C-alpha atoms as a PDB file:
ATOM      1  CA  MET A   1     114.425 -27.341 -91.229  1.00  0.00           C
ATOM      2  CA  PRO A   2     114.749 -24.824 -94.079  1.00  0.00           C
ATOM      3  CA  ILE A   3     115.202 -21.189 -93.121  1.00  0.00           C
ATOM      4  CA  ASP A   4     112.883 -20.071 -95.959  1.00  0.00           C
ATOM      5  CA  ALA A   5     109.487 -20.873 -94.417  1.00  0.00           C
ATOM      6  CA  THR A   6     107.586 -19.484 -97.422  1.00  0.00           C
ATOM      7  CA  LEU A   7     108.595 -22.440 -99.604  1.00  0.00           C
ATOM      8  CA  PRO A   8     109.118 -25.697 -97.705  1.00  0.00           C
ATOM      9  CA  TYR A   9     111.197 -28.344 -99.449  1.00  0.00           C
ATOM     10  CA  ASP A  10     109.041 -30.745-101.452  1.00  0.00           C
ATOM     11  CA  ASP A  11     110.645 -34.120-102.294  1.00  0.00           C
ATOM     12  CA  GLN A  12     108.350 -34.368-105.319  1.00  0.00           C
ATOM     13  CA  ASN A  13     109.507 -31.126-106.939  1.00  0.00           C
ATOM     14  CA  ILE A  14     110.709 -31.503-110.514  1.00  0.00           C
ATOM     15  CA  PHE A  15     114.394 -30.967-109.647  1.00  0.00           C
ATOM     16  CA  ALA A  16     114.324 -33.552-106.855  1.00  0.00           C
ATOM     17  CA  ARG A  17     112.813 -35.977-109.355  1.00  0.00           C
ATOM     18  CA  ILE A  18     115.502 -35.145-111.945  1.00  0.00           C
ATOM     19  CA  LEU A  19     118.194 -35.744-109.301  1.00  0.00           C
ATOM     20  CA  ARG A  20     116.689 -39.173-108.573  1.00  0.00           C
ATOM     21  CA  GLY A  21     116.546 -40.003-112.294  1.00  0.00           C
ATOM     22  CA  GLU A  22     112.737 -40.203-112.342  1.00  0.00           C
ATOM     23  CA  ILE A  23     112.472 -37.474-114.976  1.00  0.00           C
ATOM     24  CA  PRO A  24     114.905 -37.207-117.884  1.00  0.00           C
ATOM     25  CA  ALA A  25     116.968 -34.068-118.387  1.00  0.00           C
ATOM     26  CA  LYS A  26     119.556 -33.138-121.000  1.00  0.00           C
ATOM     27  CA  ARG A  27     122.476 -32.994-118.568  1.00  0.00           C
ATOM     28  CA  VAL A  28     125.591 -31.025-119.462  1.00  0.00           C
ATOM     29  CA  TYR A  29     127.482 -31.287-116.162  1.00  0.00           C
ATOM     30  CA  GLU A  30     127.502 -33.510-113.110  1.00  0.00           C
ATOM     31  CA  ASP A  31     129.709 -33.870-110.034  1.00  0.00           C
ATOM     32  CA  ASP A  32     129.362 -34.671-106.329  1.00  0.00           C
ATOM     33  CA  PHE A  33     127.787 -31.289-105.546  1.00  0.00           C
ATOM     34  CA  ALA A  34     125.682 -30.251-108.541  1.00  0.00           C
ATOM     35  CA  ILE A  35     124.148 -31.097-111.854  1.00  0.00           C
ATOM     36  CA  ALA A  36     123.408 -28.819-114.800  1.00  0.00           C
ATOM     37  CA  PHE A  37     120.960 -29.337-117.618  1.00  0.00           C
ATOM     38  CA  HIS A  38     119.086 -27.511-120.359  1.00  0.00           C
ATOM     39  CA  ASP A  39     115.900 -25.692-119.349  1.00  0.00           C
ATOM     40  CA  ILE A  40     112.852 -27.240-121.040  1.00  0.00           C
ATOM     41  CA  ASN A  41     111.409 -23.748-121.682  1.00  0.00           C
ATOM     42  CA  PRO A  42     114.465 -21.700-122.689  1.00  0.00           C
ATOM     43  CA  GLN A  43     114.295 -17.924-122.310  1.00  0.00           C
ATOM     44  CA  ALA A  44     117.545 -17.319-124.258  1.00  0.00           C
ATOM     45  CA  PRO A  45     119.485 -19.228-126.937  1.00  0.00           C
ATOM     46  CA  THR A  46     121.474 -20.804-124.104  1.00  0.00           C
ATOM     47  CA  HIS A  47     119.468 -21.438-120.931  1.00  0.00           C
ATOM     48  CA  LEU A  48     120.978 -23.886-118.468  1.00  0.00           C
ATOM     49  CA  LEU A  49     119.964 -24.690-114.911  1.00  0.00           C
ATOM     50  CA  VAL A  50     122.484 -25.578-112.216  1.00  0.00           C
ATOM     51  CA  ILE A  51     121.156 -27.228-109.058  1.00  0.00           C
ATOM     52  CA  PRO A  52     122.837 -28.520-105.924  1.00  0.00           C
ATOM     53  CA  ARG A  53     122.376 -32.175-105.030  1.00  0.00           C
ATOM     54  CA  GLY A  54     121.241 -31.284-101.507  1.00  0.00           C
ATOM     55  CA  ARG A  55     117.719 -30.467-100.335  1.00  0.00           C
ATOM     56  CA  TYR A  56     117.876 -26.672-100.322  1.00  0.00           C
ATOM     57  CA  VAL A  57     114.950 -24.404-101.129  1.00  0.00           C
ATOM     58  CA  SER A  58     116.778 -21.141-101.825  1.00  0.00           C
ATOM     59  CA  TRP A  59     120.062 -19.217-101.541  1.00  0.00           C
ATOM     60  CA  ASP A  60     119.060 -18.256 -98.016  1.00  0.00           C
ATOM     61  CA  ASP A  61     118.424 -21.856 -97.012  1.00  0.00           C
ATOM     62  CA  PHE A  62     121.605 -23.035 -98.782  1.00  0.00           C
ATOM     63  CA  SER A  63     123.868 -20.384 -97.235  1.00  0.00           C
ATOM     64  CA  ALA A  64     122.490 -21.123 -93.765  1.00  0.00           C
ATOM     65  CA  ARG A  65     122.560 -24.941 -93.829  1.00  0.00           C
ATOM     66  CA  ALA A  66     124.974 -26.228 -96.476  1.00  0.00           C
ATOM     67  CA  SER A  67     128.480 -27.295 -95.539  1.00  0.00           C
ATOM     68  CA  ASP A  68     131.446 -25.233 -96.694  1.00  0.00           C
ATOM     69  CA  ALA A  69     132.301 -28.037 -99.137  1.00  0.00           C
ATOM     70  CA  GLU A  70     128.779 -27.987-100.618  1.00  0.00           C
ATOM     71  CA  ILE A  71     128.835 -24.204-101.023  1.00  0.00           C
ATOM     72  CA  ALA A  72     132.280 -24.179-102.638  1.00  0.00           C
ATOM     73  CA  GLY A  73     131.402 -27.162-104.835  1.00  0.00           C
ATOM     74  CA  PHE A  74     128.181 -25.593-106.073  1.00  0.00           C
ATOM     75  CA  VAL A  75     129.756 -22.211-106.826  1.00  0.00           C
ATOM     76  CA  ARG A  76     132.600 -23.947-108.660  1.00  0.00           C
ATOM     77  CA  ALA A  77     130.096 -26.034-110.616  1.00  0.00           C
ATOM     78  CA  VAL A  78     128.332 -22.897-111.866  1.00  0.00           C
ATOM     79  CA  GLY A  79     131.659 -21.550-113.134  1.00  0.00           C
ATOM     80  CA  ALA A  80     132.613 -24.884-114.690  1.00  0.00           C
ATOM     81  CA  VAL A  81     129.311 -25.039-116.583  1.00  0.00           C
ATOM     82  CA  ALA A  82     129.812 -21.531-117.997  1.00  0.00           C
ATOM     83  CA  ARG A  83     133.399 -22.302-119.032  1.00  0.00           C
ATOM     84  CA  ALA A  84     132.490 -25.651-120.608  1.00  0.00           C
ATOM     85  CA  ALA A  85     129.710 -23.983-122.615  1.00  0.00           C
ATOM     86  CA  GLY A  86     132.172 -21.355-123.911  1.00  0.00           C
ATOM     87  CA  LEU A  87     130.267 -18.477-122.343  1.00  0.00           C
ATOM     88  CA  VAL A  88     132.957 -16.613-120.409  1.00  0.00           C
ATOM     89  CA  VAL A  89     134.227 -14.404-123.252  1.00  0.00           C
ATOM     90  CA  PRO A  90     130.896 -13.448-124.849  1.00  0.00           C
ATOM     91  CA  GLY A  91     129.253 -13.169-121.420  1.00  0.00           C
ATOM     92  CA  TYR A  92     126.328 -14.649-119.569  1.00  0.00           C
ATOM     93  CA  ARG A  93     123.808 -13.827-116.861  1.00  0.00           C
ATOM     94  CA  LEU A  94     123.110 -15.750-113.665  1.00  0.00           C
ATOM     95  CA  LEU A  95     119.712 -15.550-112.005  1.00  0.00           C
ATOM     96  CA  ALA A  96     118.479 -17.204-108.829  1.00  0.00           C
ATOM     97  CA  ASN A  97     114.922 -16.458-107.749  1.00  0.00           C
ATOM     98  CA  THR A  98     114.067 -16.704-104.062  1.00  0.00           C
ATOM     99  CA  GLY A  99     110.500 -16.715-102.805  1.00  0.00           C
ATOM    100  CA  PRO A 100     107.160 -15.670-104.245  1.00  0.00           C
ATOM    101  CA  ASP A 101     107.989 -12.026-105.047  1.00  0.00           C
ATOM    102  CA  SER A 102     110.749 -13.211-107.400  1.00  0.00           C
ATOM    103  CA  HIS A 103     108.490 -15.829-109.020  1.00  0.00           C
ATOM    104  CA  GLN A 104     110.460 -18.827-107.743  1.00  0.00           C
ATOM    105  CA  GLU A 105     108.476 -21.728-109.160  1.00  0.00           C
ATOM    106  CA  VAL A 106     110.400 -24.772-107.952  1.00  0.00           C
ATOM    107  CA  PRO A 107     111.259 -25.075-104.235  1.00  0.00           C
ATOM    108  CA  HIS A 108     114.799 -26.326-104.914  1.00  0.00           C
ATOM    109  CA  LEU A 109     117.710 -23.907-105.204  1.00  0.00           C
ATOM    110  CA  HIS A 110     118.608 -23.411-108.844  1.00  0.00           C
ATOM    111  CA  VAL A 111     120.638 -20.949-110.845  1.00  0.00           C
ATOM    112  CA  HIS A 112     119.590 -19.994-114.359  1.00  0.00           C
ATOM    113  CA  LEU A 113     122.478 -19.394-116.749  1.00  0.00           C
ATOM    114  CA  PHE A 114     121.396 -17.289-119.757  1.00  0.00           C
ATOM    115  CA  ALA A 115     123.554 -16.544-122.808  1.00  0.00           C
ATOM    116  CA  GLY A 116     123.706 -16.566-126.579  1.00  0.00           C
ATOM    117  CA  ARG A 117     122.472 -13.023-127.272  1.00  0.00           C
ATOM    118  CA  LYS A 118     122.542  -9.544-125.764  1.00  0.00           C
ATOM    119  CA  LEU A 119     120.255  -9.847-122.769  1.00  0.00           C
ATOM    120  CA  GLY A 120     119.190  -6.232-122.263  1.00  0.00           C
ATOM    121  CA  PRO A 121     118.476  -4.544-118.931  1.00  0.00           C
ATOM    122  CA  MET A 122     118.444  -6.512-115.703  1.00  0.00           C
ATOM    123  CA  LEU A 123     114.747  -5.891-115.068  1.00  0.00           C
ATOM    124  CA  ALA A 124     112.193  -5.569-117.858  1.00  0.00           C
ATOM    125  CA  GLY A 125     109.947  -3.155-115.986  1.00  0.00           C
ATOM    126  CA  ARG A 126     109.488  -1.403-112.711  1.00  0.00           C
ATOM    127  CA  ASP A 127     106.539  -1.349-110.367  1.00  0.00           C
ATOM    128  CA  GLY A 128     105.980   2.309-109.407  1.00  0.00           C
END
């Protein structure tokens, strides 16, 4: 059972369907632990998503339930995607939203990889 009770895992979420090959995605990386593909609504010139193959809702869920091999494999996959895209020297930003306050839209752990321009401050605005 996922630790993150606010967003239960949904087998019909878009990333689960991409993993099963039911929905096409422009994949740029794939191994036993993760896949990476272009975001269909890019927020930067380069906007890739990296997702684990396992059924994990969030970082909290993943860190609590994934095996050491899955955790290491996923973290390595994120680095491999950035290196393969040539983003290490110019720089890139990683973002993983968890839960409703962060605007997590898909209940499957995913990391956004943004690059291709200066990205500005970490948060666009502040609430009070």
